[in-house]
Each structure stands twice: as C-alpha cells, then as structure tokens.
N, C-alpha and C. Protein backbone atom coordinates (compact mmCIF):
# COMPACT_ATOMS: atom_id res chain seq x y z
N UNK A 1 76.26 106.66 91.21
CA UNK A 1 77.21 105.74 91.02
C UNK A 1 78.13 106.07 89.89
N UNK A 2 77.69 106.57 88.90
CA UNK A 2 78.57 107.10 87.76
C UNK A 2 79.49 108.36 88.37
N UNK A 3 78.95 108.98 89.18
CA UNK A 3 79.89 110.10 89.95
C UNK A 3 81.00 109.35 90.57
N UNK A 4 80.62 108.28 91.33
CA UNK A 4 81.61 107.95 92.21
C UNK A 4 82.81 107.05 91.27
N UNK A 5 82.30 106.50 90.01
CA UNK A 5 83.17 105.81 89.28
C UNK A 5 84.18 106.91 88.58
N UNK A 6 83.45 108.17 88.27
CA UNK A 6 84.42 109.30 87.68
C UNK A 6 85.46 109.70 88.79
N UNK A 7 85.07 109.86 89.99
CA UNK A 7 85.78 110.33 91.05
C UNK A 7 87.07 109.39 91.23
N UNK A 8 86.64 108.05 91.02
CA UNK A 8 87.54 107.16 91.45
C UNK A 8 88.70 106.98 90.37
N UNK A 9 88.21 107.15 89.05
CA UNK A 9 89.05 107.17 87.86
C UNK A 9 90.00 108.54 87.81
N UNK A 10 89.53 109.68 88.25
CA UNK A 10 90.22 110.78 88.64
C UNK A 10 91.32 110.67 89.58
N UNK A 11 91.07 109.86 90.66
CA UNK A 11 92.08 109.72 91.74
C UNK A 11 93.15 108.57 91.15
N UNK A 12 92.78 107.64 90.43
CA UNK A 12 93.71 106.71 89.87
C UNK A 12 94.44 107.49 88.88
N UNK A 13 93.82 108.35 88.26
CA UNK A 13 94.70 108.95 87.11
C UNK A 13 95.75 109.69 87.81
N UNK A 14 95.51 110.55 88.80
CA UNK A 14 96.38 111.36 89.60
C UNK A 14 97.72 110.47 90.12
N UNK A 15 97.30 109.25 90.69
CA UNK A 15 98.23 108.39 91.00
C UNK A 15 99.20 107.82 89.88
N UNK A 16 98.52 107.76 88.86
CA UNK A 16 99.07 107.07 87.71
C UNK A 16 100.53 108.14 87.25
N UNK A 17 99.91 109.59 86.99
CA UNK A 17 100.97 110.70 86.94
C UNK A 17 101.90 110.86 87.90
N UNK A 18 101.59 110.59 89.10
CA UNK A 18 102.69 110.75 90.10
C UNK A 18 103.64 109.40 90.08
N UNK A 19 103.05 108.37 89.87
CA UNK A 19 103.97 107.27 89.72
C UNK A 19 105.10 107.42 88.58
N UNK A 20 104.39 107.90 87.39
CA UNK A 20 105.32 108.17 86.33
C UNK A 20 106.39 109.05 86.57
N UNK A 21 105.92 110.24 87.24
CA UNK A 21 106.86 111.34 87.55
C UNK A 21 108.00 110.89 88.63
N UNK A 22 107.64 109.93 89.49
CA UNK A 22 108.78 109.49 90.39
C UNK A 22 109.56 108.54 89.52
N UNK A 23 108.72 107.52 88.70
CA UNK A 23 109.94 106.71 87.85
C UNK A 23 110.83 107.53 87.05
N UNK A 24 110.27 108.61 86.41
CA UNK A 24 111.08 109.38 85.57
C UNK A 24 112.20 110.03 86.22
N UNK A 25 112.08 110.37 87.42
CA UNK A 25 112.98 110.99 88.39
C UNK A 25 114.04 110.12 88.73
N UNK A 26 113.65 108.68 88.73
CA UNK A 26 114.68 107.67 89.23
C UNK A 26 115.42 107.23 87.99
N UNK A 27 114.68 107.04 86.98
CA UNK A 27 115.39 106.63 85.86
C UNK A 27 115.76 107.40 84.66
N UNK A 28 115.48 108.58 84.90
CA UNK A 28 115.76 109.35 83.71
C UNK A 28 114.66 109.41 82.54
N UNK A 29 114.53 110.30 81.72
CA UNK A 29 113.71 110.67 80.74
C UNK A 29 113.60 109.84 79.64
N UNK A 30 114.48 108.84 79.55
CA UNK A 30 114.63 107.75 78.31
C UNK A 30 113.81 106.65 78.34
N UNK A 31 113.11 106.53 79.41
CA UNK A 31 112.19 105.45 79.58
C UNK A 31 110.83 105.83 78.98
N UNK A 32 110.32 104.72 78.18
CA UNK A 32 109.31 104.75 77.52
C UNK A 32 107.97 104.26 78.38
N UNK A 33 106.89 105.00 78.62
CA UNK A 33 105.84 104.61 79.46
C UNK A 33 104.51 105.11 78.98
N UNK A 34 103.46 104.34 79.28
CA UNK A 34 102.11 104.91 78.98
C UNK A 34 101.19 104.33 80.06
N UNK A 35 100.43 105.33 80.51
CA UNK A 35 99.57 104.82 81.67
C UNK A 35 98.05 105.02 81.26
N UNK A 36 97.24 104.27 81.87
CA UNK A 36 95.73 104.57 81.54
C UNK A 36 94.95 104.09 82.81
N UNK A 37 94.41 105.12 83.38
CA UNK A 37 93.48 104.92 84.69
C UNK A 37 92.20 104.18 84.44
N UNK A 38 91.95 103.34 85.28
CA UNK A 38 90.76 102.69 85.33
C UNK A 38 90.02 102.83 86.68
N UNK A 39 88.77 102.20 86.93
CA UNK A 39 88.00 102.37 88.06
C UNK A 39 88.70 101.55 89.07
N UNK A 40 89.58 100.63 88.90
CA UNK A 40 90.09 99.83 90.00
C UNK A 40 91.72 99.87 90.26
N UNK A 41 92.20 101.14 89.57
CA UNK A 41 93.75 101.45 89.48
C UNK A 41 94.21 101.97 88.24
N UNK A 42 95.05 101.35 87.72
CA UNK A 42 95.54 101.81 86.37
C UNK A 42 96.55 100.74 85.70
N UNK A 43 96.78 101.22 84.57
CA UNK A 43 97.88 100.13 83.75
C UNK A 43 98.95 101.04 83.51
N UNK A 44 100.37 100.49 83.86
CA UNK A 44 101.49 101.12 83.27
C UNK A 44 102.08 100.21 82.32
N UNK A 45 102.08 100.67 81.08
CA UNK A 45 102.76 100.09 79.86
C UNK A 45 104.19 100.38 79.70
N UNK A 46 105.11 99.57 80.25
CA UNK A 46 106.54 99.70 80.31
C UNK A 46 107.21 98.48 80.82
N UNK A 47 108.26 98.38 80.16
CA UNK A 47 109.22 96.87 80.47
C UNK A 47 109.97 97.44 81.66
N UNK A 48 109.64 97.37 83.11
CA UNK A 48 110.14 97.55 84.02
C UNK A 48 109.92 96.59 85.14
N UNK A 49 110.77 96.61 86.17
CA UNK A 49 110.59 95.34 87.24
C UNK A 49 109.30 95.83 87.91
N UNK A 50 108.66 95.01 88.30
CA UNK A 50 107.35 95.03 89.10
C UNK A 50 107.60 95.75 90.39
N UNK A 51 108.88 95.32 91.07
CA UNK A 51 109.04 95.75 92.52
C UNK A 51 109.28 97.27 92.35
N UNK A 52 109.88 97.69 91.32
CA UNK A 52 110.18 99.17 91.03
C UNK A 52 108.98 99.99 90.92
N UNK A 53 108.11 99.38 89.97
CA UNK A 53 106.70 100.01 89.85
C UNK A 53 106.03 100.24 91.22
N UNK A 54 105.88 98.94 92.01
CA UNK A 54 105.31 99.11 93.32
C UNK A 54 105.91 99.90 94.33
N UNK A 55 107.11 99.97 94.21
CA UNK A 55 108.10 100.96 95.04
C UNK A 55 107.67 102.46 94.57
N UNK A 56 107.61 102.80 93.57
CA UNK A 56 107.43 104.14 92.93
C UNK A 56 105.87 104.38 93.05
N UNK A 57 104.94 103.61 93.07
CA UNK A 57 103.54 103.85 93.26
C UNK A 57 103.26 104.26 94.67
N UNK A 58 103.89 103.26 95.54
CA UNK A 58 103.75 103.73 97.07
C UNK A 58 104.20 105.07 97.54
N UNK A 59 105.45 105.32 96.80
CA UNK A 59 105.83 106.75 97.18
C UNK A 59 105.20 107.71 96.48
N UNK A 60 104.54 107.66 95.29
CA UNK A 60 103.77 108.56 94.70
C UNK A 60 102.51 108.82 95.49
N UNK A 61 101.93 107.63 95.97
CA UNK A 61 100.79 107.83 96.94
C UNK A 61 100.87 108.55 98.19
N UNK A 62 102.21 108.17 98.74
CA UNK A 62 102.47 108.96 100.07
C UNK A 62 102.58 110.40 99.77
N UNK A 63 103.45 110.78 98.44
CA UNK A 63 103.41 112.01 98.23
C UNK A 63 102.52 112.81 98.12
N UNK A 64 101.45 112.42 97.36
CA UNK A 64 100.02 112.77 96.91
C UNK A 64 99.43 113.24 98.45
N UNK A 65 99.41 112.28 99.18
CA UNK A 65 98.66 112.39 100.40
C UNK A 65 99.26 113.41 101.27
N UNK A 66 100.62 113.42 101.02
CA UNK A 66 101.39 114.49 101.99
C UNK A 66 101.00 116.02 101.55
N UNK A 67 100.35 116.09 100.26
CA UNK A 67 100.16 117.64 99.88
C UNK A 67 100.62 117.81 98.65
N UNK A 68 101.45 116.96 97.81
CA UNK A 68 102.21 117.22 96.65
C UNK A 68 101.33 117.17 95.57
N UNK A 69 100.24 117.75 95.47
CA UNK A 69 98.96 117.70 94.39
C UNK A 69 99.65 118.11 93.00
N UNK A 70 100.76 118.91 92.79
CA UNK A 70 101.21 119.08 91.39
C UNK A 70 101.75 117.81 90.68
N UNK A 71 101.98 116.67 91.52
CA UNK A 71 102.51 115.61 90.71
C UNK A 71 101.24 114.89 90.02
N UNK A 72 99.92 115.30 90.10
CA UNK A 72 98.79 114.77 89.46
C UNK A 72 98.72 115.34 88.19
N UNK A 73 99.40 116.54 87.72
CA UNK A 73 99.22 117.15 86.51
C UNK A 73 100.53 116.90 85.55
N UNK A 74 100.62 116.50 84.62
CA UNK A 74 101.64 115.88 83.60
C UNK A 74 101.82 116.67 82.30
N UNK A 75 102.88 116.98 82.13
CA UNK A 75 103.05 117.49 80.53
C UNK A 75 102.90 116.50 79.65
N UNK A 76 103.06 115.21 79.98
CA UNK A 76 103.09 114.12 78.94
C UNK A 76 101.66 113.44 78.73
N UNK A 77 100.40 114.03 79.64
CA UNK A 77 99.06 113.33 79.61
C UNK A 77 98.53 113.39 78.25
N UNK A 78 97.78 112.46 77.91
CA UNK A 78 96.91 112.50 76.67
C UNK A 78 95.86 113.64 76.69
N UNK A 79 95.39 114.22 77.84
CA UNK A 79 94.69 115.28 77.70
C UNK A 79 95.12 116.35 76.99
N UNK A 80 96.40 116.56 77.08
CA UNK A 80 97.03 117.73 76.65
C UNK A 80 97.00 117.54 75.01
N UNK A 81 97.12 116.37 74.64
CA UNK A 81 97.06 115.98 73.24
C UNK A 81 95.75 116.31 72.77
N UNK A 82 94.68 116.01 73.52
CA UNK A 82 93.27 115.94 72.99
C UNK A 82 92.87 117.45 72.89
N UNK A 83 93.10 118.09 73.99
CA UNK A 83 93.09 119.68 74.14
C UNK A 83 93.85 120.37 72.74
N UNK A 84 94.89 119.86 72.26
CA UNK A 84 95.63 120.44 71.29
C UNK A 84 94.89 120.14 70.07
N UNK A 85 94.55 119.01 69.84
CA UNK A 85 93.77 118.54 68.65
C UNK A 85 92.44 119.36 68.44
N UNK A 86 91.66 119.52 69.58
CA UNK A 86 90.46 120.00 69.53
C UNK A 86 90.47 121.55 69.20
N UNK A 87 91.57 122.24 69.89
CA UNK A 87 91.67 123.69 69.64
C UNK A 87 92.30 124.00 68.21
N UNK A 88 93.06 123.08 67.88
CA UNK A 88 93.51 123.35 66.44
C UNK A 88 92.58 123.10 65.37
N UNK A 89 91.80 122.03 65.58
CA UNK A 89 90.80 122.02 64.67
C UNK A 89 89.81 123.06 64.61
N UNK A 90 89.41 123.49 65.87
CA UNK A 90 88.24 124.62 65.89
C UNK A 90 88.93 125.84 65.24
N UNK A 91 90.38 126.12 65.63
CA UNK A 91 90.82 127.26 65.14
C UNK A 91 90.87 127.37 63.52
N UNK A 92 91.20 126.21 62.94
CA UNK A 92 91.15 125.86 61.72
C UNK A 92 89.84 126.24 60.96
N UNK A 93 88.83 125.68 61.58
CA UNK A 93 87.46 125.55 60.97
C UNK A 93 87.21 127.23 61.02
N UNK A 94 87.24 128.01 62.09
CA UNK A 94 86.89 129.41 62.19
C UNK A 94 87.69 130.16 61.28
N UNK A 95 88.92 129.73 61.15
CA UNK A 95 89.78 130.64 60.31
C UNK A 95 89.77 130.29 58.61
N UNK A 96 89.17 129.04 58.36
CA UNK A 96 89.08 128.72 56.82
C UNK A 96 88.11 129.55 55.99
N UNK A 97 87.07 130.19 56.38
CA UNK A 97 86.20 130.82 55.79
C UNK A 97 86.61 132.29 55.72
N UNK A 98 87.58 132.82 56.47
CA UNK A 98 88.15 134.31 56.69
C UNK A 98 89.08 134.59 55.54
N UNK A 99 88.98 135.83 55.05
CA UNK A 99 89.94 136.47 54.18
C UNK A 99 89.93 136.05 52.76
N UNK A 100 90.92 136.50 51.76
CA UNK A 100 90.83 136.03 50.35
C UNK A 100 91.54 134.75 50.37
N UNK A 101 91.20 133.83 49.29
CA UNK A 101 91.26 132.48 49.26
C UNK A 101 92.90 132.22 49.36
N UNK A 102 93.82 133.03 48.83
CA UNK A 102 95.32 133.12 48.90
C UNK A 102 95.66 133.25 50.34
N UNK A 103 94.87 133.93 51.13
CA UNK A 103 95.33 134.07 52.42
C UNK A 103 94.94 132.97 53.42
N UNK A 104 94.23 132.19 53.05
CA UNK A 104 93.36 131.18 53.95
C UNK A 104 94.43 130.28 54.77
N UNK A 105 95.18 129.60 53.64
CA UNK A 105 96.05 128.57 54.27
C UNK A 105 97.24 129.20 55.44
N UNK A 106 97.71 130.23 54.96
CA UNK A 106 98.71 130.71 56.00
C UNK A 106 97.92 131.23 57.14
N UNK A 107 96.78 131.73 57.08
CA UNK A 107 95.67 132.05 58.28
C UNK A 107 95.53 130.67 59.07
N UNK A 108 95.24 129.69 58.44
CA UNK A 108 94.52 128.47 59.21
C UNK A 108 96.04 127.91 59.93
N UNK A 109 97.10 128.02 59.34
CA UNK A 109 98.42 127.59 59.79
C UNK A 109 98.60 128.17 61.20
N UNK A 110 98.61 129.48 61.03
CA UNK A 110 98.93 130.39 62.20
C UNK A 110 97.95 130.26 63.20
N UNK A 111 96.68 130.18 62.99
CA UNK A 111 95.61 129.90 63.88
C UNK A 111 95.90 128.69 64.58
N UNK A 112 96.18 127.66 63.70
CA UNK A 112 96.29 126.35 64.35
C UNK A 112 97.66 126.45 65.29
N UNK A 113 98.63 126.94 64.87
CA UNK A 113 99.78 126.89 65.77
C UNK A 113 99.47 127.63 66.99
N UNK A 114 98.91 128.79 66.94
CA UNK A 114 98.46 129.64 68.23
C UNK A 114 97.61 128.79 69.05
N UNK A 115 96.61 127.91 68.48
CA UNK A 115 95.74 127.15 69.41
C UNK A 115 96.67 126.02 70.05
N UNK A 116 97.71 125.56 69.45
CA UNK A 116 98.46 124.43 70.21
C UNK A 116 99.27 124.97 71.12
N UNK A 117 99.86 126.07 71.03
CA UNK A 117 100.56 127.18 72.19
C UNK A 117 99.52 127.21 73.24
N UNK A 118 98.27 127.77 72.91
CA UNK A 118 97.35 128.03 73.97
C UNK A 118 96.97 126.45 74.66
N UNK A 119 96.76 125.64 74.05
CA UNK A 119 96.38 124.30 74.47
C UNK A 119 97.17 123.69 75.75
N UNK A 120 98.54 124.31 75.82
CA UNK A 120 99.32 123.69 77.08
C UNK A 120 99.07 124.18 78.36
N UNK A 121 98.59 125.35 78.50
CA UNK A 121 98.13 125.80 79.85
C UNK A 121 96.57 125.31 80.08
N UNK A 122 95.87 125.23 78.79
CA UNK A 122 94.47 124.87 79.00
C UNK A 122 94.50 123.29 79.39
N UNK A 123 95.47 122.43 78.82
CA UNK A 123 95.37 121.02 78.99
C UNK A 123 95.81 120.83 80.56
N UNK A 124 96.59 121.66 80.88
CA UNK A 124 97.02 121.59 82.52
C UNK A 124 95.87 121.93 83.48
N UNK A 125 95.08 122.89 82.91
CA UNK A 125 93.93 123.22 83.75
C UNK A 125 92.89 122.29 83.82
N UNK A 126 92.66 121.65 82.63
CA UNK A 126 91.77 120.59 82.47
C UNK A 126 92.09 119.25 83.49
N UNK A 127 93.43 119.20 83.38
CA UNK A 127 93.82 117.97 84.21
C UNK A 127 93.60 118.21 85.90
N UNK A 128 94.09 119.66 86.16
CA UNK A 128 94.09 119.99 87.60
C UNK A 128 92.50 119.75 88.11
N UNK A 129 91.35 120.31 87.26
CA UNK A 129 90.16 120.44 87.61
C UNK A 129 89.34 119.36 87.16
N UNK A 130 89.60 118.71 86.17
CA UNK A 130 88.45 117.67 85.80
C UNK A 130 89.12 116.23 85.41
N UNK A 131 90.03 116.06 84.90
CA UNK A 131 90.60 114.83 84.64
C UNK A 131 91.32 113.92 85.78
N UNK A 132 91.97 114.63 86.84
CA UNK A 132 92.78 114.05 88.03
C UNK A 132 92.08 114.71 89.27
N UNK A 133 92.28 114.04 90.32
CA UNK A 133 92.11 114.39 91.64
C UNK A 133 93.25 114.04 92.73
N UNK A 134 94.12 114.74 93.10
CA UNK A 134 94.93 114.46 94.01
C UNK A 134 94.49 114.12 95.50
N UNK A 135 93.21 114.14 95.69
CA UNK A 135 92.59 113.84 97.02
C UNK A 135 92.52 112.32 97.15
N UNK A 136 93.69 111.65 97.51
CA UNK A 136 93.55 110.41 97.79
C UNK A 136 93.55 109.69 99.18
N UNK A 137 92.96 110.42 100.04
CA UNK A 137 92.68 109.91 101.48
C UNK A 137 91.69 108.83 101.31
N UNK A 138 92.15 107.77 102.09
CA UNK A 138 91.43 106.58 101.97
C UNK A 138 91.89 105.62 100.97
N UNK A 139 92.78 105.99 99.94
CA UNK A 139 93.04 105.20 98.77
C UNK A 139 94.30 104.34 99.06
N UNK A 140 94.46 102.95 99.17
CA UNK A 140 95.71 102.34 99.22
C UNK A 140 95.81 101.35 97.91
N UNK A 141 97.02 101.10 97.76
CA UNK A 141 97.51 100.09 96.92
C UNK A 141 97.33 98.79 97.30
N UNK A 142 96.57 97.95 96.51
CA UNK A 142 96.26 96.49 96.93
C UNK A 142 96.68 95.53 96.25
N UNK A 143 97.68 95.90 95.28
CA UNK A 143 98.44 94.97 94.32
C UNK A 143 99.17 95.49 93.04
N UNK A 144 100.09 94.87 92.95
CA UNK A 144 100.73 95.18 91.54
C UNK A 144 100.96 93.82 90.77
N UNK A 145 100.50 93.79 89.55
CA UNK A 145 100.61 92.45 88.84
C UNK A 145 101.30 92.96 87.50
N UNK A 146 102.17 91.92 86.96
CA UNK A 146 102.77 92.16 85.85
C UNK A 146 102.15 91.07 84.63
N UNK A 147 102.15 91.58 83.44
CA UNK A 147 101.78 90.64 82.17
C UNK A 147 102.37 91.15 81.22
N UNK A 148 102.05 90.60 79.90
CA UNK A 148 102.59 90.70 78.69
C UNK A 148 103.46 89.57 78.20
N UNK A 149 103.67 89.60 77.10
CA UNK A 149 104.46 88.32 76.35
C UNK A 149 105.90 88.67 76.27
N UNK A 150 106.75 87.83 76.68
CA UNK A 150 108.22 87.82 77.01
C UNK A 150 108.59 88.74 77.97
N UNK A 151 107.94 88.59 79.08
CA UNK A 151 108.42 89.49 80.08
C UNK A 151 107.31 90.51 80.72
N UNK A 152 107.58 91.28 81.74
CA UNK A 152 106.65 92.14 82.11
C UNK A 152 106.49 93.61 81.30
N UNK A 153 105.52 93.37 80.33
CA UNK A 153 105.36 94.63 79.53
C UNK A 153 104.35 95.60 79.75
N UNK A 154 103.66 94.98 80.68
CA UNK A 154 102.68 96.31 81.62
C UNK A 154 102.45 95.67 83.24
N UNK A 155 102.12 96.53 83.53
CA UNK A 155 101.58 96.39 85.14
C UNK A 155 100.20 96.78 85.35
N UNK A 156 99.53 96.08 86.31
CA UNK A 156 98.25 96.63 86.61
C UNK A 156 98.46 96.89 88.35
N UNK A 157 98.05 98.19 88.35
CA UNK A 157 98.18 98.72 89.70
C UNK A 157 96.60 98.66 90.40
N UNK A 158 96.45 97.89 91.17
CA UNK A 158 95.22 97.74 91.81
C UNK A 158 95.03 98.60 93.03
N UNK A 159 94.01 99.55 93.03
CA UNK A 159 93.72 100.33 94.11
C UNK A 159 92.35 100.18 94.77
N UNK A 160 92.20 100.42 96.15
CA UNK A 160 90.87 100.37 96.65
C UNK A 160 90.69 101.43 97.67
N UNK A 161 89.52 101.98 97.96
CA UNK A 161 89.31 102.77 98.98
C UNK A 161 88.74 102.44 100.19
N UNK A 162 89.47 102.66 101.29
CA UNK A 162 89.03 102.15 102.55
C UNK A 162 87.46 103.10 102.82
N UNK A 163 86.61 102.25 103.30
CA UNK A 163 85.28 103.01 103.96
C UNK A 163 85.51 103.50 105.19
N UNK A 164 85.18 104.93 105.26
CA UNK A 164 85.19 105.32 106.84
C UNK A 164 84.47 104.56 107.77
N UNK A 165 84.97 104.63 108.98
CA UNK A 165 84.17 103.74 109.92
C UNK A 165 83.49 104.82 111.05
C-alpha cells in the first residue's frame, strides 16, 4: 500500500513538473509558481486562469505519455534545494575539523560551494530515479479546481489511475 502511494506521488510529481514546464513555455519565466504533489494529484500555487492550468496539464500529460520523460525533471524542484543543503552541510561538517584554525573558515566555504555545484546533477538524478516517475500510462486528469482568497490563488489538479481490464 505504501509503495503504491509513493508511486502515485512520484507520477503526480512528474506531471506537476511537466505542467509547470508547459506553463513557463507559454507565459515566460516571470510567472511565480510553486507545485506540491499529493496522492490524488497536485497543487499548483499560482494566480492563473483555471482553464489555462487545465489545458497545460492535459498537454503535459500527453507529452509525458508520448515519451517526453525529460519534462519530469525540473531545475526548479525542491529536491535540488534539499540536496544542496544536505551536501553543503555534510561538506561543512567534514571540513570543519580539518587544518589550522585560521584555515577552517575558507576551507568550509570552499567545500560548501563545491557541494552546491555538485548538488545540481545529483538533484536531477534523484528526481529522475527517486522523486518523479514519467510512467503515466493509465493516469488521467479528472478535474482542476481553483481556490484561495480574492481569486484563483491555487489550483488542485486531481488525477486517477484507470484500472487495467
């Protein structure tokens, strides 16, 4: 059961990323958006028209199903931030006890910067193999609802998996 939930969240995470990629392509990079995958779809926090979100979600789903799995991996994903923090923290701790006292701060800074640089490809690999799954066969969008105060501040995209017959 837990494995099924994790797989569902991974697929919804991929759809969330792909939808944001489609939206950014249509609207440009100046749009502020944040997504969060759940077991029954994902939330998209953005002040956008609901019909646009639904249209882009359906396009993203079709593109993932047609083999554009690269859309599941995003440079803007929170996984990248988490990996950067974890690697920089570990590098700092490992470096802190090394060398003369006067050399520690520059060494910690250098190690942290190198860790942040290394985190970019590591974060993408984690997304590709652990936090997203572009395998959306059987997944369908069942609805897009808007909510928030003063207009559509967030959207809940609901997905479901069709059972094989």
